[in-house]
């Protein structure tokens, strides 16, 4: 008699197998080091650069932005959305994202949002859309060129970048359809199905329809801004596959995208290049902004 298996997601038959790929704290030996590095470098960035902190883009306490102006009139801006699986982190942990770009004449906006389980991924998606709408409307106030707004996200932030590609800006906010000129998604999760069967589910409270509604992989627009999709060679095979599958699905719909794989980078180090104005990642992003402005 043949053994029968119940597949939870793809070829995974147990939560343990899924967590091995998606519990990111298990994928590096020095997770505490990375948390400390993010915080220390972010504190330094807030001391080194001019910044306007805790600007409210909405009525809730968590709905704030931290803006690091480039110091130039009408500069391009990159709006960064942090990761943390929608359950951890804040804008203050990612101030260091500004260092490389501000030094090269690009203003940086770091988005803060509410966390699960206090809210849902649907709520966070709405908050990020509201943050972008605020920046577009108030661009002049912060010396930002509203015709050169870009968005970037890491991990769960990559999923949120994907959700921004299907936003109906005119219907929801009364804004032009092309308020974002390009997106950079680093180490993103574009199919959230496996999380339904993971250690995260008790905090995310995903229902079955959420798995399709909030997975960018299943929500490819007919037209959208260009994407740069990046990941580290030292990430789990599933995170690498997620980026590759999303890239292939995106380009398969004849949408503009470019891939950038980072040698020697894990899930947490894949964004450290934002901290260095001379890093390869920073220069790739600057070139992407220049070409799509």
C-alpha atoms as a PDB file:
ATOM      1  CA  UNK A   1       0.000   0.000   0.000  1.00  0.00           C
ATOM      2  CA  UNK A   2       1.404   3.384  -1.010  1.00  0.00           C
ATOM      3  CA  UNK A   3       2.090   5.950   1.681  1.00  0.00           C
ATOM      4  CA  UNK A   4      -0.174   8.956   1.418  1.00  0.00           C
ATOM      5  CA  UNK A   5       0.895  12.481   2.210  1.00  0.00           C
ATOM      6  CA  UNK A   6      -1.069  15.615   2.844  1.00  0.00           C
ATOM      7  CA  UNK A   7       0.768  18.520   1.312  1.00  0.00           C
ATOM      8  CA  UNK A   8       0.252  21.777   3.173  1.00  0.00           C
ATOM      9  CA  UNK A   9       2.076  23.965   0.651  1.00  0.00           C
ATOM     10  CA  UNK A  10       3.983  22.834  -2.425  1.00  0.00           C
ATOM     11  CA  UNK A  11       5.940  19.747  -1.262  1.00  0.00           C
ATOM     12  CA  UNK A  12       5.779  20.575   2.467  1.00  0.00           C
ATOM     13  CA  UNK A  13       3.930  18.105   4.658  1.00  0.00           C
ATOM     14  CA  UNK A  14       4.437  19.636   8.114  1.00  0.00           C
ATOM     15  CA  UNK A  15       4.687  22.937   9.933  1.00  0.00           C
ATOM     16  CA  UNK A  16       8.210  21.984  10.981  1.00  0.00           C
ATOM     17  CA  UNK A  17       9.311  21.819   7.340  1.00  0.00           C
ATOM     18  CA  UNK A  18       7.714  25.169   6.562  1.00  0.00           C
ATOM     19  CA  UNK A  19       9.155  26.862   9.645  1.00  0.00           C
ATOM     20  CA  UNK A  20      12.634  25.673   8.664  1.00  0.00           C
ATOM     21  CA  UNK A  21      12.335  27.794   5.529  1.00  0.00           C
ATOM     22  CA  UNK A  22      10.269  30.709   6.831  1.00  0.00           C
ATOM     23  CA  UNK A  23      11.252  31.164  10.488  1.00  0.00           C
ATOM     24  CA  UNK A  24      14.043  33.588   9.673  1.00  0.00           C
ATOM     25  CA  UNK A  25      15.523  33.581  13.156  1.00  0.00           C
ATOM     26  CA  UNK A  26      16.517  29.972  12.486  1.00  0.00           C
ATOM     27  CA  UNK A  27      18.339  30.826   9.263  1.00  0.00           C
ATOM     28  CA  UNK A  28      21.286  32.719  10.806  1.00  0.00           C
ATOM     29  CA  UNK A  29      23.502  32.072  13.807  1.00  0.00           C
ATOM     30  CA  UNK A  30      23.684  35.706  14.850  1.00  0.00           C
ATOM     31  CA  UNK A  31      20.136  37.069  14.786  1.00  0.00           C
ATOM     32  CA  UNK A  32      20.768  39.170  17.915  1.00  0.00           C
ATOM     33  CA  UNK A  33      23.747  40.782  16.233  1.00  0.00           C
ATOM     34  CA  UNK A  34      21.642  41.923  13.317  1.00  0.00           C
ATOM     35  CA  UNK A  35      18.965  43.423  15.557  1.00  0.00           C
ATOM     36  CA  UNK A  36      21.604  45.359  17.462  1.00  0.00           C
ATOM     37  CA  UNK A  37      23.279  46.464  14.239  1.00  0.00           C
ATOM     38  CA  UNK A  38      20.013  47.807  12.807  1.00  0.00           C
ATOM     39  CA  UNK A  39      19.336  49.809  15.970  1.00  0.00           C
ATOM     40  CA  UNK A  40      22.881  51.122  16.440  1.00  0.00           C
ATOM     41  CA  UNK A  41      23.304  52.230  12.842  1.00  0.00           C
ATOM     42  CA  UNK A  42      19.837  53.804  12.862  1.00  0.00           C
ATOM     43  CA  UNK A  43      20.669  55.835  15.968  1.00  0.00           C
ATOM     44  CA  UNK A  44      23.841  57.042  14.264  1.00  0.00           C
ATOM     45  CA  UNK A  45      21.925  58.011  11.131  1.00  0.00           C
ATOM     46  CA  UNK A  46      19.438  60.101  13.120  1.00  0.00           C
ATOM     47  CA  UNK A  47      22.367  61.923  14.740  1.00  0.00           C
ATOM     48  CA  UNK A  48      24.308  62.435  11.517  1.00  0.00           C
ATOM     49  CA  UNK A  49      21.531  63.526   9.181  1.00  0.00           C
ATOM     50  CA  UNK A  50      18.809  66.135   9.301  1.00  0.00           C
ATOM     51  CA  UNK A  51      15.551  64.309   9.947  1.00  0.00           C
ATOM     52  CA  UNK A  52      11.917  65.101  10.634  1.00  0.00           C
ATOM     53  CA  UNK A  53      10.502  62.387  12.847  1.00  0.00           C
ATOM     54  CA  UNK A  54       7.022  61.088  13.640  1.00  0.00           C
ATOM     55  CA  UNK A  55       5.061  62.932  10.970  1.00  0.00           C
ATOM     56  CA  UNK A  56       1.485  61.682  11.032  1.00  0.00           C
ATOM     57  CA  UNK A  57       0.095  60.482   7.717  1.00  0.00           C
ATOM     58  CA  UNK A  58      -3.071  59.201   9.394  1.00  0.00           C
ATOM     59  CA  UNK A  59      -5.043  59.462  12.645  1.00  0.00           C
ATOM     60  CA  UNK A  60      -3.644  56.399  14.418  1.00  0.00           C
ATOM     61  CA  UNK A  61      -0.680  56.635  16.767  1.00  0.00           C
ATOM     62  CA  UNK A  62       1.365  54.200  14.669  1.00  0.00           C
ATOM     63  CA  UNK A  63       0.705  55.994  11.380  1.00  0.00           C
ATOM     64  CA  UNK A  64       3.873  58.053  11.184  1.00  0.00           C
ATOM     65  CA  UNK A  65       6.740  58.800   8.818  1.00  0.00           C
ATOM     66  CA  UNK A  66      10.377  59.687   9.393  1.00  0.00           C
ATOM     67  CA  UNK A  67      11.754  61.898   6.629  1.00  0.00           C
ATOM     68  CA  UNK A  68      15.445  62.384   5.865  1.00  0.00           C
ATOM     69  CA  UNK A  69      15.644  65.298   3.391  1.00  0.00           C
ATOM     70  CA  UNK A  70      18.462  65.313   0.859  1.00  0.00           C
ATOM     71  CA  UNK A  71      18.952  69.055   1.355  1.00  0.00           C
ATOM     72  CA  UNK A  72      18.252  69.686  -2.316  1.00  0.00           C
ATOM     73  CA  UNK A  73      15.198  71.328  -3.828  1.00  0.00           C
ATOM     74  CA  UNK A  74      12.795  68.980  -5.599  1.00  0.00           C
ATOM     75  CA  UNK A  75      14.846  65.876  -4.999  1.00  0.00           C
ATOM     76  CA  UNK A  76      13.727  62.346  -5.819  1.00  0.00           C
ATOM     77  CA  UNK A  77      12.496  60.370  -2.822  1.00  0.00           C
ATOM     78  CA  UNK A  78      12.573  56.737  -1.825  1.00  0.00           C
ATOM     79  CA  UNK A  79       9.855  55.582   0.573  1.00  0.00           C
ATOM     80  CA  UNK A  80      11.013  52.544   2.572  1.00  0.00           C
ATOM     81  CA  UNK A  81       8.680  49.953   4.112  1.00  0.00           C
ATOM     82  CA  UNK A  82      10.271  47.714   6.726  1.00  0.00           C
ATOM     83  CA  UNK A  83       9.840  43.986   7.260  1.00  0.00           C
ATOM     84  CA  UNK A  84       9.404  41.951  10.412  1.00  0.00           C
ATOM     85  CA  UNK A  85       6.612  39.666   9.164  1.00  0.00           C
ATOM     86  CA  UNK A  86       4.071  42.402   9.954  1.00  0.00           C
ATOM     87  CA  UNK A  87       4.488  41.599  13.680  1.00  0.00           C
ATOM     88  CA  UNK A  88       7.674  43.435  14.678  1.00  0.00           C
ATOM     89  CA  UNK A  89       9.877  46.425  13.963  1.00  0.00           C
ATOM     90  CA  UNK A  90       9.325  50.132  13.577  1.00  0.00           C
ATOM     91  CA  UNK A  91      10.567  52.982  11.428  1.00  0.00           C
ATOM     92  CA  UNK A  92      13.192  53.795  14.088  1.00  0.00           C
ATOM     93  CA  UNK A  93      14.908  50.432  13.472  1.00  0.00           C
ATOM     94  CA  UNK A  94      15.508  51.391   9.838  1.00  0.00           C
ATOM     95  CA  UNK A  95      16.742  54.985   9.908  1.00  0.00           C
ATOM     96  CA  UNK A  96      20.065  53.708   8.568  1.00  0.00           C
ATOM     97  CA  UNK A  97      18.346  53.096   5.224  1.00  0.00           C
ATOM     98  CA  UNK A  98      18.745  56.845   4.626  1.00  0.00           C
ATOM     99  CA  UNK A  99      22.525  56.973   4.881  1.00  0.00           C
ATOM    100  CA  UNK A 100      23.568  55.897   1.400  1.00  0.00           C
ATOM    101  CA  UNK A 101      20.779  57.556  -0.548  1.00  0.00           C
ATOM    102  CA  UNK A 102      20.661  60.925   1.231  1.00  0.00           C
ATOM    103  CA  UNK A 103      24.416  61.207   0.699  1.00  0.00           C
ATOM    104  CA  UNK A 104      23.694  60.854  -3.022  1.00  0.00           C
ATOM    105  CA  UNK A 105      20.924  63.463  -3.224  1.00  0.00           C
ATOM    106  CA  UNK A 106      17.849  61.266  -2.679  1.00  0.00           C
ATOM    107  CA  UNK A 107      15.451  62.039   0.167  1.00  0.00           C
ATOM    108  CA  UNK A 108      14.348  59.029   2.194  1.00  0.00           C
ATOM    109  CA  UNK A 109      11.037  58.423   3.929  1.00  0.00           C
ATOM    110  CA  UNK A 110      10.738  55.519   6.381  1.00  0.00           C
ATOM    111  CA  UNK A 111       7.176  54.333   7.009  1.00  0.00           C
ATOM    112  CA  UNK A 112       5.882  53.199  10.381  1.00  0.00           C
ATOM    113  CA  UNK A 113       2.726  51.077  10.566  1.00  0.00           C
ATOM    114  CA  UNK A 114       0.648  49.166  13.101  1.00  0.00           C
ATOM    115  CA  UNK A 115       1.558  45.557  13.799  1.00  0.00           C
ATOM    116  CA  UNK A 116      -0.312  42.273  13.881  1.00  0.00           C
ATOM    117  CA  UNK A 117      -2.158  40.942  15.806  1.00  0.00           C
ATOM    118  CA  UNK A 118      -3.435  44.399  16.781  1.00  0.00           C
ATOM    119  CA  UNK A 119      -4.309  44.903  13.127  1.00  0.00           C
ATOM    120  CA  UNK A 120      -4.452  42.703  10.016  1.00  0.00           C
ATOM    121  CA  UNK A 121      -2.322  42.620   6.879  1.00  0.00           C
ATOM    122  CA  UNK A 122      -5.270  44.280   5.146  1.00  0.00           C
ATOM    123  CA  UNK A 123      -5.025  47.196   7.585  1.00  0.00           C
ATOM    124  CA  UNK A 124      -1.260  47.483   7.089  1.00  0.00           C
ATOM    125  CA  UNK A 125      -1.735  47.520   3.319  1.00  0.00           C
ATOM    126  CA  UNK A 126      -4.156  50.440   3.671  1.00  0.00           C
ATOM    127  CA  UNK A 127      -1.718  52.273   5.943  1.00  0.00           C
ATOM    128  CA  UNK A 128       1.135  51.965   3.460  1.00  0.00           C
ATOM    129  CA  UNK A 129      -1.088  53.226   0.665  1.00  0.00           C
ATOM    130  CA  UNK A 130      -2.101  56.181   2.826  1.00  0.00           C
ATOM    131  CA  UNK A 131       1.559  56.920   3.560  1.00  0.00           C
ATOM    132  CA  UNK A 132       2.366  57.097  -0.150  1.00  0.00           C
ATOM    133  CA  UNK A 133      -0.671  59.300  -0.783  1.00  0.00           C
ATOM    134  CA  UNK A 134       0.465  61.651   1.984  1.00  0.00           C
ATOM    135  CA  UNK A 135       3.975  61.955   0.549  1.00  0.00           C
ATOM    136  CA  UNK A 136       2.595  62.679  -2.905  1.00  0.00           C
ATOM    137  CA  UNK A 137       0.237  65.366  -1.646  1.00  0.00           C
ATOM    138  CA  UNK A 138       2.735  67.000   0.718  1.00  0.00           C
ATOM    139  CA  UNK A 139       5.831  66.606  -1.468  1.00  0.00           C
ATOM    140  CA  UNK A 140       6.475  70.345  -1.826  1.00  0.00           C
ATOM    141  CA  UNK A 141       6.531  70.758   1.953  1.00  0.00           C
ATOM    142  CA  UNK A 142       9.521  68.436   2.188  1.00  0.00           C
ATOM    143  CA  UNK A 143      11.329  69.536  -1.004  1.00  0.00           C
ATOM    144  CA  UNK A 144      10.415  66.290  -2.740  1.00  0.00           C
ATOM    145  CA  UNK A 145       9.691  66.095  -6.453  1.00  0.00           C
ATOM    146  CA  UNK A 146       6.333  64.318  -6.567  1.00  0.00           C
ATOM    147  CA  UNK A 147       7.182  63.143 -10.075  1.00  0.00           C
ATOM    148  CA  UNK A 148      10.134  61.162  -8.709  1.00  0.00           C
ATOM    149  CA  UNK A 149       8.701  59.068  -5.860  1.00  0.00           C
ATOM    150  CA  UNK A 150      10.026  55.524  -5.539  1.00  0.00           C
ATOM    151  CA  UNK A 151       9.204  52.832  -3.017  1.00  0.00           C
ATOM    152  CA  UNK A 152      11.317  50.063  -1.493  1.00  0.00           C
ATOM    153  CA  UNK A 153      10.543  47.267   0.924  1.00  0.00           C
ATOM    154  CA  UNK A 154      12.331  44.427   2.660  1.00  0.00           C
ATOM    155  CA  UNK A 155      10.844  41.017   3.507  1.00  0.00           C
ATOM    156  CA  UNK A 156       7.208  41.723   4.489  1.00  0.00           C
ATOM    157  CA  UNK A 157       7.903  45.185   3.085  1.00  0.00           C
ATOM    158  CA  UNK A 158       8.489  43.506  -0.262  1.00  0.00           C
ATOM    159  CA  UNK A 159       4.991  42.039  -0.073  1.00  0.00           C
ATOM    160  CA  UNK A 160       3.666  45.523   0.638  1.00  0.00           C
ATOM    161  CA  UNK A 161       5.527  46.939  -2.361  1.00  0.00           C
ATOM    162  CA  UNK A 162       3.781  44.273  -4.423  1.00  0.00           C
ATOM    163  CA  UNK A 163       0.411  45.366  -3.047  1.00  0.00           C
ATOM    164  CA  UNK A 164       1.168  48.969  -3.999  1.00  0.00           C
ATOM    165  CA  UNK A 165       1.441  47.885  -7.640  1.00  0.00           C
ATOM    166  CA  UNK A 166      -2.288  47.108  -7.715  1.00  0.00           C
ATOM    167  CA  UNK A 167      -3.484  50.229  -5.904  1.00  0.00           C
ATOM    168  CA  UNK A 168      -6.199  52.241  -7.636  1.00  0.00           C
ATOM    169  CA  UNK A 169      -4.845  55.656  -6.659  1.00  0.00           C
ATOM    170  CA  UNK A 170      -7.546  57.567  -8.504  1.00  0.00           C
ATOM    171  CA  UNK A 171     -10.462  55.630  -7.013  1.00  0.00           C
ATOM    172  CA  UNK A 172      -9.123  55.364  -3.460  1.00  0.00           C
ATOM    173  CA  UNK A 173      -7.321  58.697  -3.076  1.00  0.00           C
ATOM    174  CA  UNK A 174      -8.281  60.914  -6.016  1.00  0.00           C
ATOM    175  CA  UNK A 175      -4.658  60.918  -7.225  1.00  0.00           C
ATOM    176  CA  UNK A 176      -3.036  60.215 -10.601  1.00  0.00           C
ATOM    177  CA  UNK A 177      -2.487  56.558 -11.400  1.00  0.00           C
ATOM    178  CA  UNK A 178       1.290  56.838 -11.662  1.00  0.00           C
ATOM    179  CA  UNK A 179       2.328  58.436  -8.374  1.00  0.00           C
ATOM    180  CA  UNK A 180       5.066  55.787  -7.935  1.00  0.00           C
ATOM    181  CA  UNK A 181       7.819  55.697 -10.540  1.00  0.00           C
ATOM    182  CA  UNK A 182       9.526  52.483  -9.502  1.00  0.00           C
ATOM    183  CA  UNK A 183       9.776  49.871  -6.781  1.00  0.00           C
ATOM    184  CA  UNK A 184      12.615  47.921  -5.168  1.00  0.00           C
ATOM    185  CA  UNK A 185      11.636  44.699  -3.379  1.00  0.00           C
ATOM    186  CA  UNK A 186      14.409  43.017  -1.398  1.00  0.00           C
ATOM    187  CA  UNK A 187      14.019  39.493   0.007  1.00  0.00           C
ATOM    188  CA  UNK A 188      10.262  39.773  -0.279  1.00  0.00           C
ATOM    189  CA  UNK A 189       7.567  37.215   0.373  1.00  0.00           C
ATOM    190  CA  UNK A 190       5.150  37.308  -2.533  1.00  0.00           C
ATOM    191  CA  UNK A 191       3.046  34.221  -1.815  1.00  0.00           C
ATOM    192  CA  UNK A 192       1.876  34.232   1.799  1.00  0.00           C
ATOM    193  CA  UNK A 193       0.199  30.802   1.608  1.00  0.00           C
ATOM    194  CA  UNK A 194       2.913  28.962   3.562  1.00  0.00           C
ATOM    195  CA  UNK A 195       2.515  31.345   6.497  1.00  0.00           C
ATOM    196  CA  UNK A 196      -1.014  30.023   7.034  1.00  0.00           C
ATOM    197  CA  UNK A 197       0.601  26.744   8.119  1.00  0.00           C
ATOM    198  CA  UNK A 198       3.531  28.295  10.004  1.00  0.00           C
ATOM    199  CA  UNK A 199       4.369  29.466  13.514  1.00  0.00           C
ATOM    200  CA  UNK A 200       3.185  32.938  12.453  1.00  0.00           C
ATOM    201  CA  UNK A 201      -0.490  32.085  11.924  1.00  0.00           C
ATOM    202  CA  UNK A 202      -1.546  32.646  15.588  1.00  0.00           C
ATOM    203  CA  UNK A 203      -0.408  36.273  15.224  1.00  0.00           C
ATOM    204  CA  UNK A 204      -1.420  36.921  11.621  1.00  0.00           C
ATOM    205  CA  UNK A 205      -4.919  35.383  11.780  1.00  0.00           C
ATOM    206  CA  UNK A 206      -4.920  34.769   8.039  1.00  0.00           C
ATOM    207  CA  UNK A 207      -8.077  33.390   6.489  1.00  0.00           C
ATOM    208  CA  UNK A 208      -8.181  31.451   3.246  1.00  0.00           C
ATOM    209  CA  UNK A 209      -9.191  34.395   1.065  1.00  0.00           C
ATOM    210  CA  UNK A 210      -6.334  36.485   2.495  1.00  0.00           C
ATOM    211  CA  UNK A 211      -3.849  34.025   1.035  1.00  0.00           C
ATOM    212  CA  UNK A 212      -4.839  35.088  -2.471  1.00  0.00           C
ATOM    213  CA  UNK A 213      -5.961  38.673  -1.861  1.00  0.00           C
ATOM    214  CA  UNK A 214      -2.702  39.761  -0.200  1.00  0.00           C
ATOM    215  CA  UNK A 215      -0.196  37.666  -2.125  1.00  0.00           C
ATOM    216  CA  UNK A 216       1.347  39.799  -4.893  1.00  0.00           C
ATOM    217  CA  UNK A 217       2.076  36.626  -6.851  1.00  0.00           C
ATOM    218  CA  UNK A 218      -1.656  36.215  -7.487  1.00  0.00           C
ATOM    219  CA  UNK A 219      -2.279  39.912  -8.097  1.00  0.00           C
ATOM    220  CA  UNK A 220      -0.252  40.920 -11.133  1.00  0.00           C
ATOM    221  CA  UNK A 221      -1.555  44.200 -12.602  1.00  0.00           C
ATOM    222  CA  UNK A 222      -2.120  44.889 -16.293  1.00  0.00           C
ATOM    223  CA  UNK A 223       0.179  47.885 -16.073  1.00  0.00           C
ATOM    224  CA  UNK A 224       2.533  49.105 -13.370  1.00  0.00           C
ATOM    225  CA  UNK A 225       5.762  50.850 -12.472  1.00  0.00           C
ATOM    226  CA  UNK A 226       9.095  49.036 -13.005  1.00  0.00           C
ATOM    227  CA  UNK A 227      10.390  46.712 -10.293  1.00  0.00           C
ATOM    228  CA  UNK A 228      13.839  45.728  -9.113  1.00  0.00           C
ATOM    229  CA  UNK A 229      13.636  42.360  -7.348  1.00  0.00           C
ATOM    230  CA  UNK A 230      16.601  41.355  -5.211  1.00  0.00           C
ATOM    231  CA  UNK A 231      17.586  38.644  -2.749  1.00  0.00           C
ATOM    232  CA  UNK A 232      20.701  37.189  -1.134  1.00  0.00           C
ATOM    233  CA  UNK A 233      22.396  33.985  -2.250  1.00  0.00           C
ATOM    234  CA  UNK A 234      22.575  32.877   1.393  1.00  0.00           C
ATOM    235  CA  UNK A 235      18.815  33.038   1.978  1.00  0.00           C
ATOM    236  CA  UNK A 236      16.686  29.914   2.282  1.00  0.00           C
ATOM    237  CA  UNK A 237      15.775  28.129  -0.914  1.00  0.00           C
ATOM    238  CA  UNK A 238      12.140  29.161  -0.451  1.00  0.00           C
ATOM    239  CA  UNK A 239      12.924  32.867  -0.199  1.00  0.00           C
ATOM    240  CA  UNK A 240      15.098  32.626  -3.291  1.00  0.00           C
ATOM    241  CA  UNK A 241      12.342  30.766  -5.124  1.00  0.00           C
ATOM    242  CA  UNK A 242       9.707  33.304  -4.080  1.00  0.00           C
ATOM    243  CA  UNK A 243      11.708  36.152  -5.629  1.00  0.00           C
ATOM    244  CA  UNK A 244      12.445  34.182  -8.787  1.00  0.00           C
ATOM    245  CA  UNK A 245       8.830  33.083  -9.219  1.00  0.00           C
ATOM    246  CA  UNK A 246       7.512  36.606  -8.713  1.00  0.00           C
ATOM    247  CA  UNK A 247      10.049  38.015 -11.167  1.00  0.00           C
ATOM    248  CA  UNK A 248       9.107  35.409 -13.766  1.00  0.00           C
ATOM    249  CA  UNK A 249       5.389  35.966 -13.282  1.00  0.00           C
ATOM    250  CA  UNK A 250       5.869  39.750 -13.507  1.00  0.00           C
ATOM    251  CA  UNK A 251       7.941  39.638 -16.693  1.00  0.00           C
ATOM    252  CA  UNK A 252       5.658  36.931 -18.077  1.00  0.00           C
ATOM    253  CA  UNK A 253       2.935  39.597 -18.082  1.00  0.00           C
ATOM    254  CA  UNK A 254       5.305  41.865 -20.056  1.00  0.00           C
ATOM    255  CA  UNK A 255       5.811  44.179 -17.099  1.00  0.00           C
ATOM    256  CA  UNK A 256       9.189  45.903 -16.615  1.00  0.00           C
ATOM    257  CA  UNK A 257      11.493  44.324 -14.052  1.00  0.00           C
ATOM    258  CA  UNK A 258      15.123  43.608 -13.352  1.00  0.00           C
ATOM    259  CA  UNK A 259      16.694  41.066 -11.025  1.00  0.00           C
ATOM    260  CA  UNK A 260      19.664  41.595  -8.747  1.00  0.00           C
ATOM    261  CA  UNK A 261      21.020  38.694  -6.730  1.00  0.00           C
ATOM    262  CA  UNK A 262      23.484  39.509  -3.962  1.00  0.00           C
ATOM    263  CA  UNK A 263      26.380  37.149  -3.347  1.00  0.00           C
ATOM    264  CA  UNK A 264      27.238  36.386   0.274  1.00  0.00           C
ATOM    265  CA  UNK A 265      24.092  38.027   1.650  1.00  0.00           C
ATOM    266  CA  UNK A 266      21.510  36.474   3.931  1.00  0.00           C
ATOM    267  CA  UNK A 267      18.002  37.707   4.639  1.00  0.00           C
ATOM    268  CA  UNK A 268      19.200  40.300   7.149  1.00  0.00           C
ATOM    269  CA  UNK A 269      22.346  41.484   5.392  1.00  0.00           C
ATOM    270  CA  UNK A 270      20.577  41.881   2.028  1.00  0.00           C
ATOM    271  CA  UNK A 271      19.677  45.480   2.937  1.00  0.00           C
ATOM    272  CA  UNK A 272      22.873  46.548   4.722  1.00  0.00           C
ATOM    273  CA  UNK A 273      24.058  48.153   1.469  1.00  0.00           C
ATOM    274  CA  UNK A 274      21.556  50.975   2.058  1.00  0.00           C
ATOM    275  CA  UNK A 275      23.905  52.040   4.856  1.00  0.00           C
ATOM    276  CA  UNK A 276      26.851  52.713   2.517  1.00  0.00           C
ATOM    277  CA  UNK A 277      26.760  55.312  -0.250  1.00  0.00           C
ATOM    278  CA  UNK A 278      29.443  53.403  -2.154  1.00  0.00           C
ATOM    279  CA  UNK A 279      27.894  49.934  -1.869  1.00  0.00           C
ATOM    280  CA  UNK A 280      26.868  47.963  -4.927  1.00  0.00           C
ATOM    281  CA  UNK A 281      23.253  47.835  -3.718  1.00  0.00           C
ATOM    282  CA  UNK A 282      23.115  51.588  -3.193  1.00  0.00           C
ATOM    283  CA  UNK A 283      24.558  52.267  -6.631  1.00  0.00           C
ATOM    284  CA  UNK A 284      22.156  49.792  -8.243  1.00  0.00           C
ATOM    285  CA  UNK A 285      19.254  51.647  -6.640  1.00  0.00           C
ATOM    286  CA  UNK A 286      20.592  55.070  -7.605  1.00  0.00           C
ATOM    287  CA  UNK A 287      20.952  53.906 -11.206  1.00  0.00           C
ATOM    288  CA  UNK A 288      17.429  52.460 -11.116  1.00  0.00           C
ATOM    289  CA  UNK A 289      16.061  55.802  -9.846  1.00  0.00           C
ATOM    290  CA  UNK A 290      17.952  57.759 -12.495  1.00  0.00           C
ATOM    291  CA  UNK A 291      16.746  55.539 -15.327  1.00  0.00           C
ATOM    292  CA  UNK A 292      13.100  55.644 -14.238  1.00  0.00           C
ATOM    293  CA  UNK A 293      12.727  59.300 -13.206  1.00  0.00           C
END
